[in-house]
Amino acid sequence: MRVVAKIGTSSLTDHLGVIDVAMIDSVSDQLAVLRAAGHEVILVSSGAVSAGVSVLGLPARPTDVITLQAISAAGQSRLMEHYNHSLGRHSLVAAQVLLVPHDFVDRRQYLHARQTLGRLLELGCVPIINENDAVASDEIRYGDNDRIAALVAHNVNADVLVLLTDTPGLYTADPRTDPTAQLVEVVAADDPLLSVAATVSGSNRGSGGMASKLSAARMASWSGVRAVIAKADRPDVLIDAANGVAVGTTFLASGRKLPARKLWIGFATNVEGAVVIDDGARRALLERGTSLLPAGIVEVIGEFGDGDVVDIRDSAGITVARGIALCDADVLRSVRGKRTTDLPAHVAHEVIHRDDLLVLI
């Protein structure tokens, strides 16, 4: 079995950002048990920025990107220092791998990442992956390791993705404010819960939250990978989740397996705007899998450029798909509703090509 686990900042550090060594030891011990049982394991670990805040003695987490990037470099080395020591107790070698979402978009980078991770596993290493915050352009503001973990799970053909967090799983409501909230134990691949709205972040130390974990679980499910969201400090949580024991919330794998590029379009990049389509275009996209043409567009929302990712909404305001625009918002406003034969020569006949479009419902 190939297991990808992800642990978030809120589970790895205290409220001051100090790394919880006991938690790292617990995760490392569980990784060692899985390795001893013959499984391959990859860990995606957050915590670099928060650890950097602590080691540099800053009074609070900065908000400007340049400082966040700088302190992530200081924190990342401390984070790996702890993993090296903790895994070393089991004679395991930690291998640092820093990635950004672009590594999953460019085909050559995608294959190179797969080859590198595969070779590390063959060598007996435990890859420790984090987002490359120190040199990323905007990923540190918009990316998060939940999505990175789901893309890694897809990349290495994992059997299970385990998202370790500070809550027991997905609830029917926010358990912090609603005493009637109940834990959802199983979510089917076609369950509407996979697209339910959730809080952005449960603490001020991380960049994720339940919303990003739901997105990651959906990515994993649509990659044919079983996903689990569970509480990091539950005893043997990683071992049990990998072995199929009921812990937290399990998201069953879907029969459909999307290519990495479409997963990135759907879940791992920033949405810059939206277009509203008529009912005819909606049927064409959902039932026939066509490209989106200018004739089916009734409204253009926001400002976006050629190559940006945009939402595709129906007349009820529901996002039914997402894709890469082939023209900018101003051009699209000037040609919306027009038939292909009426388009100017310099305008693409397709607003979004079907190869760059992911249906979300």
Protein backbone atom coordinates (compact mmCIF):
# COMPACT_ATOMS: atom_id res chain seq x y z
CA MET A 1 0.00 0.00 0.00
CA ARG A 2 1.15 3.54 -0.74
CA VAL A 3 0.11 6.10 1.89
CA VAL A 4 0.27 9.89 1.64
CA ALA A 5 -0.29 11.68 4.97
CA LYS A 6 -0.56 15.40 5.57
CA ILE A 7 -0.33 17.20 8.89
CA GLY A 8 -1.22 20.85 9.35
CA THR A 9 0.41 23.71 11.19
CA SER A 10 -2.25 23.86 13.90
CA SER A 11 -1.48 20.23 14.81
CA LEU A 12 2.30 20.61 14.67
CA THR A 13 2.77 23.82 16.66
CA ASP A 14 1.38 25.50 19.75
CA HIS A 15 -0.28 28.93 19.82
CA LEU A 16 3.14 30.59 19.86
CA GLY A 17 4.29 28.66 16.82
CA VAL A 18 6.70 26.44 18.73
CA ILE A 19 7.05 23.01 17.11
CA ASP A 20 5.39 20.23 19.10
CA VAL A 21 8.18 17.64 19.20
CA ALA A 22 5.88 15.06 20.80
CA MET A 23 3.54 15.30 17.81
CA ILE A 24 6.39 14.88 15.34
CA ASP A 25 7.55 11.84 17.32
CA SER A 26 4.03 10.40 17.26
CA VAL A 27 3.70 10.83 13.49
CA SER A 28 7.19 9.44 12.92
CA ASP A 29 6.44 6.40 15.12
CA GLN A 30 3.31 5.68 13.08
CA LEU A 31 5.15 6.11 9.79
CA ALA A 32 7.74 3.62 11.07
CA VAL A 33 5.01 1.08 11.92
CA LEU A 34 3.55 1.39 8.43
CA ARG A 35 6.99 1.02 6.88
CA ALA A 36 7.69 -2.07 8.98
CA ALA A 37 4.42 -3.55 7.67
CA GLY A 38 5.70 -3.15 4.11
CA HIS A 39 3.86 0.03 3.14
CA GLU A 40 5.38 3.02 1.33
CA VAL A 41 4.80 6.34 3.09
CA ILE A 42 5.03 9.99 2.10
CA LEU A 43 4.42 12.85 4.53
CA VAL A 44 3.30 16.33 3.55
CA SER A 45 4.11 18.60 6.46
CA SER A 46 3.16 22.22 7.07
CA GLY A 47 4.64 24.31 9.85
CA ALA A 48 7.61 26.12 8.28
CA VAL A 49 6.18 29.63 8.51
CA SER A 50 4.88 29.16 12.04
CA ALA A 51 8.18 27.64 13.14
CA GLY A 52 10.00 30.58 11.58
CA VAL A 53 7.89 33.03 13.57
CA SER A 54 8.87 31.20 16.74
CA VAL A 55 12.59 30.76 16.07
CA LEU A 56 13.01 34.40 15.06
CA GLY A 57 11.17 35.60 18.15
CA LEU A 58 8.54 37.56 16.25
CA PRO A 59 5.54 38.71 18.33
CA ALA A 60 2.99 37.58 15.73
CA ARG A 61 2.68 36.00 12.29
CA PRO A 62 3.47 38.70 9.68
CA THR A 63 1.01 39.48 6.93
CA ASP A 64 3.28 40.70 4.13
CA VAL A 65 4.37 38.11 1.58
CA ILE A 66 8.10 38.91 1.53
CA THR A 67 8.47 38.47 5.29
CA LEU A 68 6.40 35.28 5.24
CA GLN A 69 8.62 33.86 2.53
CA ALA A 70 11.78 34.81 4.39
CA ILE A 71 10.75 33.32 7.70
CA SER A 72 9.54 30.13 6.02
CA ALA A 73 13.15 29.46 5.02
CA ALA A 74 14.26 29.79 8.64
CA GLY A 75 11.43 27.60 9.87
CA GLN A 76 11.77 24.89 7.22
CA SER A 77 15.28 23.93 8.31
CA ARG A 78 14.13 23.66 11.94
CA LEU A 79 11.18 21.55 10.89
CA MET A 80 13.38 19.11 8.96
CA GLU A 81 15.83 18.99 11.85
CA HIS A 82 13.08 17.55 14.04
CA TYR A 83 11.93 15.06 11.40
CA ASN A 84 15.51 13.90 10.77
CA HIS A 85 16.00 13.20 14.45
CA SER A 86 12.59 11.62 15.03
CA LEU A 87 12.68 9.28 12.03
CA GLY A 88 16.31 8.51 12.77
CA ARG A 89 15.19 6.79 15.97
CA HIS A 90 13.73 4.13 13.67
CA SER A 91 16.73 4.10 11.30
CA LEU A 92 14.65 5.87 8.69
CA VAL A 93 15.99 8.65 6.46
CA ALA A 94 13.88 11.76 5.88
CA ALA A 95 14.16 13.35 2.42
CA GLN A 96 13.04 16.96 1.98
CA VAL A 97 11.04 17.72 -1.17
CA LEU A 98 9.74 21.26 -1.79
CA LEU A 99 7.00 21.69 -4.38
CA VAL A 100 4.63 24.30 -5.79
CA PRO A 101 1.38 23.75 -7.72
CA HIS A 102 3.18 24.51 -11.01
CA ASP A 103 5.07 21.24 -10.58
CA PHE A 104 1.78 19.49 -11.28
CA VAL A 105 0.78 21.64 -14.26
CA ASP A 106 3.84 21.37 -16.47
CA ARG A 107 3.92 17.80 -17.83
CA ARG A 108 7.70 17.50 -17.62
CA GLN A 109 7.75 18.76 -14.05
CA TYR A 110 4.90 16.42 -13.15
CA LEU A 111 6.75 13.38 -14.48
CA HIS A 112 10.01 14.51 -12.90
CA ALA A 113 8.34 14.84 -9.50
CA ARG A 114 6.86 11.34 -9.90
CA GLN A 115 10.24 9.88 -10.81
CA THR A 116 12.00 11.59 -7.92
CA LEU A 117 9.43 10.53 -5.34
CA GLY A 118 9.37 7.01 -6.70
CA ARG A 119 13.14 6.74 -6.52
CA LEU A 120 13.20 8.06 -2.96
CA LEU A 121 10.72 5.37 -1.96
CA GLU A 122 12.83 2.74 -3.69
CA LEU A 123 15.85 3.94 -1.70
CA GLY A 124 13.91 3.47 1.52
CA CYS A 125 13.54 7.17 2.32
CA VAL A 126 10.52 8.89 3.84
CA PRO A 127 9.83 11.92 1.61
CA ILE A 128 8.83 14.97 3.67
CA ILE A 129 7.04 17.40 1.35
CA ASN A 130 6.21 21.03 1.90
CA GLU A 131 5.19 23.87 -0.34
CA ASN A 132 8.19 25.86 -1.52
CA ASP A 133 7.08 29.00 0.28
CA ALA A 134 10.46 30.72 0.24
CA VAL A 135 10.55 31.19 -3.54
CA ALA A 136 6.88 30.90 -4.55
CA SER A 137 5.29 33.93 -6.17
CA ASP A 138 1.71 33.82 -4.95
CA GLU A 139 1.26 30.24 -3.74
CA ILE A 140 2.05 31.21 -0.17
CA ARG A 141 -1.00 33.46 -0.21
CA TYR A 142 -3.35 31.16 -2.06
CA GLY A 143 -1.87 27.67 -1.96
CA ASP A 144 -2.07 25.22 0.90
CA ASN A 145 -0.60 21.83 1.68
CA ASP A 146 -4.00 20.09 1.63
CA ARG A 147 -4.16 20.57 -2.12
CA ILE A 148 -0.47 19.80 -2.52
CA ALA A 149 -1.07 16.52 -0.66
CA ALA A 150 -3.98 15.60 -2.93
CA LEU A 151 -1.92 16.33 -6.03
CA VAL A 152 0.94 14.24 -4.65
CA ALA A 153 -1.50 11.38 -3.96
CA HIS A 154 -2.60 11.58 -7.58
CA ASN A 155 0.98 11.86 -8.83
CA VAL A 156 2.26 8.73 -7.04
CA ASN A 157 -0.95 6.68 -7.46
CA ALA A 158 -1.49 6.47 -3.70
CA ASP A 159 -3.99 4.09 -2.18
CA VAL A 160 -5.00 6.43 0.62
CA LEU A 161 -4.61 10.08 1.57
CA VAL A 162 -4.81 10.90 5.29
CA LEU A 163 -5.34 14.55 6.25
CA LEU A 164 -4.42 15.01 9.91
CA THR A 165 -5.91 18.09 11.53
CA ASP A 166 -7.07 19.53 14.86
CA THR A 167 -10.69 18.40 14.44
CA PRO A 168 -12.06 14.82 14.44
CA GLY A 169 -13.42 15.11 10.91
CA LEU A 170 -16.27 16.65 8.92
CA TYR A 171 -19.37 17.63 10.90
CA THR A 172 -22.92 18.39 9.86
CA ALA A 173 -22.38 21.86 11.38
CA ASP A 174 -19.64 23.75 13.20
CA PRO A 175 -19.28 21.85 16.51
CA ARG A 176 -17.77 24.94 18.14
CA THR A 177 -21.06 26.81 17.83
CA ASP A 178 -23.70 24.10 17.28
CA PRO A 179 -24.08 21.45 20.03
CA THR A 180 -26.21 19.29 17.71
CA ALA A 181 -23.40 18.89 15.16
CA GLN A 182 -22.65 15.27 14.32
CA LEU A 183 -19.56 13.67 12.79
CA VAL A 184 -20.00 12.50 9.20
CA GLU A 185 -18.24 9.13 9.07
CA VAL A 186 -18.47 8.27 5.36
CA VAL A 187 -18.88 10.43 2.26
CA ALA A 188 -19.59 8.75 -1.08
CA ALA A 189 -17.78 9.86 -4.23
CA ASP A 190 -20.93 11.51 -5.61
CA ASP A 191 -22.13 12.94 -2.29
CA PRO A 192 -23.00 16.68 -2.32
CA LEU A 193 -21.01 17.02 0.93
CA LEU A 194 -17.87 17.04 -1.19
CA SER A 195 -18.78 20.53 -2.34
CA VAL A 196 -20.32 21.84 0.86
CA ALA A 197 -19.16 25.24 2.14
CA ALA A 198 -16.91 25.13 5.18
CA THR A 199 -14.82 27.47 7.29
CA VAL A 200 -11.62 28.71 5.69
CA SER A 201 -9.31 28.31 8.67
CA GLY A 202 -9.72 27.09 12.20
CA SER A 203 -6.64 28.84 13.55
CA ASN A 204 -4.47 31.81 12.69
CA ARG A 205 -1.34 29.69 12.29
CA GLY A 206 -2.18 27.74 9.14
CA SER A 207 -3.38 28.48 5.62
CA GLY A 208 -5.96 25.73 5.26
CA GLY A 209 -9.07 24.82 7.19
CA MET A 210 -11.97 22.46 6.54
CA ALA A 211 -12.77 24.05 3.17
CA SER A 212 -9.35 23.21 1.75
CA LYS A 213 -9.54 19.69 3.22
CA LEU A 214 -12.89 19.10 1.55
CA SER A 215 -11.36 20.29 -1.71
CA ALA A 216 -8.38 17.97 -1.20
CA ALA A 217 -10.67 15.05 -0.36
CA ARG A 218 -12.66 15.70 -3.51
CA MET A 219 -9.46 15.80 -5.56
CA ALA A 220 -8.35 12.51 -4.02
CA SER A 221 -11.75 10.89 -4.58
CA TRP A 222 -11.76 11.96 -8.22
CA SER A 223 -8.22 10.56 -8.52
CA GLY A 224 -9.43 7.14 -7.38
CA VAL A 225 -7.81 7.58 -3.96
CA ARG A 226 -9.58 6.97 -0.64
CA ALA A 227 -9.22 10.00 1.65
CA VAL A 228 -9.57 10.38 5.42
CA ILE A 229 -9.84 13.54 7.54
CA ALA A 230 -9.04 12.77 11.18
CA LYS A 231 -7.71 14.27 14.40
CA ALA A 232 -3.93 14.29 14.52
CA ASP A 233 -3.62 13.52 18.24
CA ARG A 234 -5.86 10.45 18.16
CA PRO A 235 -3.73 7.42 19.14
CA ASP A 236 -2.55 5.44 16.09
CA VAL A 237 -4.75 7.57 13.84
CA LEU A 238 -2.49 7.25 10.82
CA ILE A 239 -2.09 3.50 11.19
CA ASP A 240 -5.82 2.95 11.61
CA ALA A 241 -6.75 5.23 8.71
CA ALA A 242 -4.32 3.46 6.40
CA ASN A 243 -5.69 0.07 7.43
CA GLY A 244 -9.31 1.03 6.84
CA VAL A 245 -10.35 1.34 10.50
CA ALA A 246 -13.19 3.84 10.94
CA VAL A 247 -11.55 7.08 12.11
CA GLY A 248 -12.72 10.60 11.38
CA THR A 249 -14.41 11.06 8.01
CA THR A 250 -13.68 8.71 5.11
CA PHE A 251 -14.22 9.87 1.53
CA LEU A 252 -14.66 6.91 -0.79
CA ALA A 253 -12.73 6.75 -4.03
CA SER A 254 -14.54 7.51 -7.27
CA GLY A 255 -14.50 5.30 -10.34
CA ARG A 256 -13.51 8.32 -12.44
CA LYS A 257 -9.84 9.24 -12.49
CA LEU A 258 -9.08 12.72 -13.76
CA PRO A 259 -5.74 13.78 -15.23
CA ALA A 260 -3.59 16.01 -13.02
CA ARG A 261 -4.10 19.04 -15.27
CA LYS A 262 -7.88 18.97 -14.81
CA LEU A 263 -7.51 18.47 -11.07
CA TRP A 264 -5.28 21.53 -10.98
CA ILE A 265 -7.82 23.55 -12.97
CA GLY A 266 -10.64 22.45 -10.71
CA PHE A 267 -9.09 22.72 -7.28
CA ALA A 268 -5.46 23.77 -7.11
CA THR A 269 -5.30 27.20 -8.66
CA ASN A 270 -6.88 30.60 -8.18
CA VAL A 271 -10.17 31.51 -9.81
CA GLU A 272 -9.91 34.99 -11.32
CA GLY A 273 -13.47 35.57 -12.53
CA ALA A 274 -16.63 33.93 -13.82
CA VAL A 275 -18.94 33.63 -16.80
CA VAL A 276 -22.68 32.97 -16.68
CA ILE A 277 -24.07 30.66 -19.36
CA ASP A 278 -27.53 29.99 -20.72
CA ASP A 279 -29.41 26.70 -20.36
CA GLY A 280 -28.39 25.47 -23.80
CA ALA A 281 -24.71 25.90 -23.06
CA ARG A 282 -25.20 24.20 -19.69
CA ARG A 283 -26.69 21.13 -21.36
CA ALA A 284 -23.90 21.07 -23.95
CA LEU A 285 -21.18 21.13 -21.28
CA LEU A 286 -22.77 18.63 -18.89
CA GLU A 287 -24.38 16.20 -21.31
CA ARG A 288 -22.14 16.30 -24.41
CA GLY A 289 -18.79 17.42 -22.97
CA THR A 290 -18.34 20.23 -25.48
CA SER A 291 -16.15 23.30 -25.36
CA LEU A 292 -17.70 26.59 -24.20
CA LEU A 293 -18.51 28.97 -27.06
CA PRO A 294 -19.21 32.74 -26.91
CA ALA A 295 -22.81 32.16 -28.05
CA GLY A 296 -23.71 30.50 -24.75
CA ILE A 297 -22.40 33.28 -22.49
CA VAL A 298 -24.86 35.81 -21.08
CA GLU A 299 -22.67 37.61 -18.53
CA VAL A 300 -18.98 38.14 -17.72
CA ILE A 301 -18.03 38.73 -14.07
CA GLY A 302 -14.76 40.24 -12.87
CA GLU A 303 -11.52 40.99 -14.67
CA PHE A 304 -9.38 38.16 -15.96
CA GLY A 305 -6.85 37.56 -18.68
CA ASP A 306 -6.14 35.02 -21.38
CA GLY A 307 -4.93 31.88 -19.57
CA ASP A 308 -6.66 32.59 -16.26
CA VAL A 309 -8.98 30.07 -14.61
CA VAL A 310 -12.65 31.11 -14.37
CA ASP A 311 -15.83 29.65 -12.94
CA ILE A 312 -18.70 28.74 -15.25
CA ARG A 313 -22.07 29.42 -13.62
CA ASP A 314 -25.58 28.61 -14.74
CA SER A 315 -28.59 30.94 -14.64
CA ALA A 316 -29.20 29.98 -10.99
CA GLY A 317 -25.70 31.11 -9.98
CA ILE A 318 -24.42 27.55 -9.41
CA THR A 319 -20.83 26.85 -10.46
CA VAL A 320 -21.16 23.90 -12.82
CA ALA A 321 -17.65 23.89 -14.28
CA ARG A 322 -14.28 25.60 -14.24
CA GLY A 323 -11.75 26.15 -16.98
CA ILE A 324 -8.94 28.16 -18.58
CA ALA A 325 -10.14 31.16 -20.59
CA LEU A 326 -8.79 31.66 -24.10
CA CYS A 327 -9.54 35.39 -24.11
CA ASP A 328 -9.66 38.17 -21.54
CA ALA A 329 -12.77 39.54 -19.86
CA ASP A 330 -13.04 42.71 -21.98
CA VAL A 331 -12.87 40.81 -25.25
CA LEU A 332 -15.37 38.28 -24.00
CA ARG A 333 -17.83 41.02 -23.01
CA SER A 334 -17.68 42.33 -26.56
CA VAL A 335 -18.48 38.95 -28.16
CA ARG A 336 -20.73 37.24 -25.60
CA GLY A 337 -23.86 35.79 -27.18
CA LYS A 338 -22.43 35.92 -30.71
CA ARG A 339 -22.39 32.95 -33.05
CA THR A 340 -19.05 31.63 -34.28
CA THR A 341 -19.64 33.02 -37.79
CA ASP A 342 -20.09 36.51 -36.34
CA LEU A 343 -16.85 36.58 -34.34
CA PRO A 344 -13.98 38.90 -35.30
CA ALA A 345 -11.00 37.15 -36.89
CA HIS A 346 -8.71 37.78 -33.89
CA VAL A 347 -11.08 36.19 -31.35
CA ALA A 348 -10.83 32.48 -30.48
CA HIS A 349 -13.89 30.48 -31.50
CA GLU A 350 -13.87 28.74 -28.13
CA VAL A 351 -13.97 30.61 -24.83
CA ILE A 352 -12.81 27.50 -22.96
CA HIS A 353 -11.65 24.36 -24.76
CA ARG A 354 -13.08 21.11 -23.42
CA ASP A 355 -9.55 19.83 -22.70
CA ASP A 356 -9.10 22.75 -20.31
CA LEU A 357 -12.54 22.44 -18.68
CA LEU A 358 -13.63 20.44 -15.63
CA VAL A 359 -17.30 19.77 -14.94
CA LEU A 360 -17.86 20.04 -11.18
CA ILE A 361 -21.37 18.58 -10.83
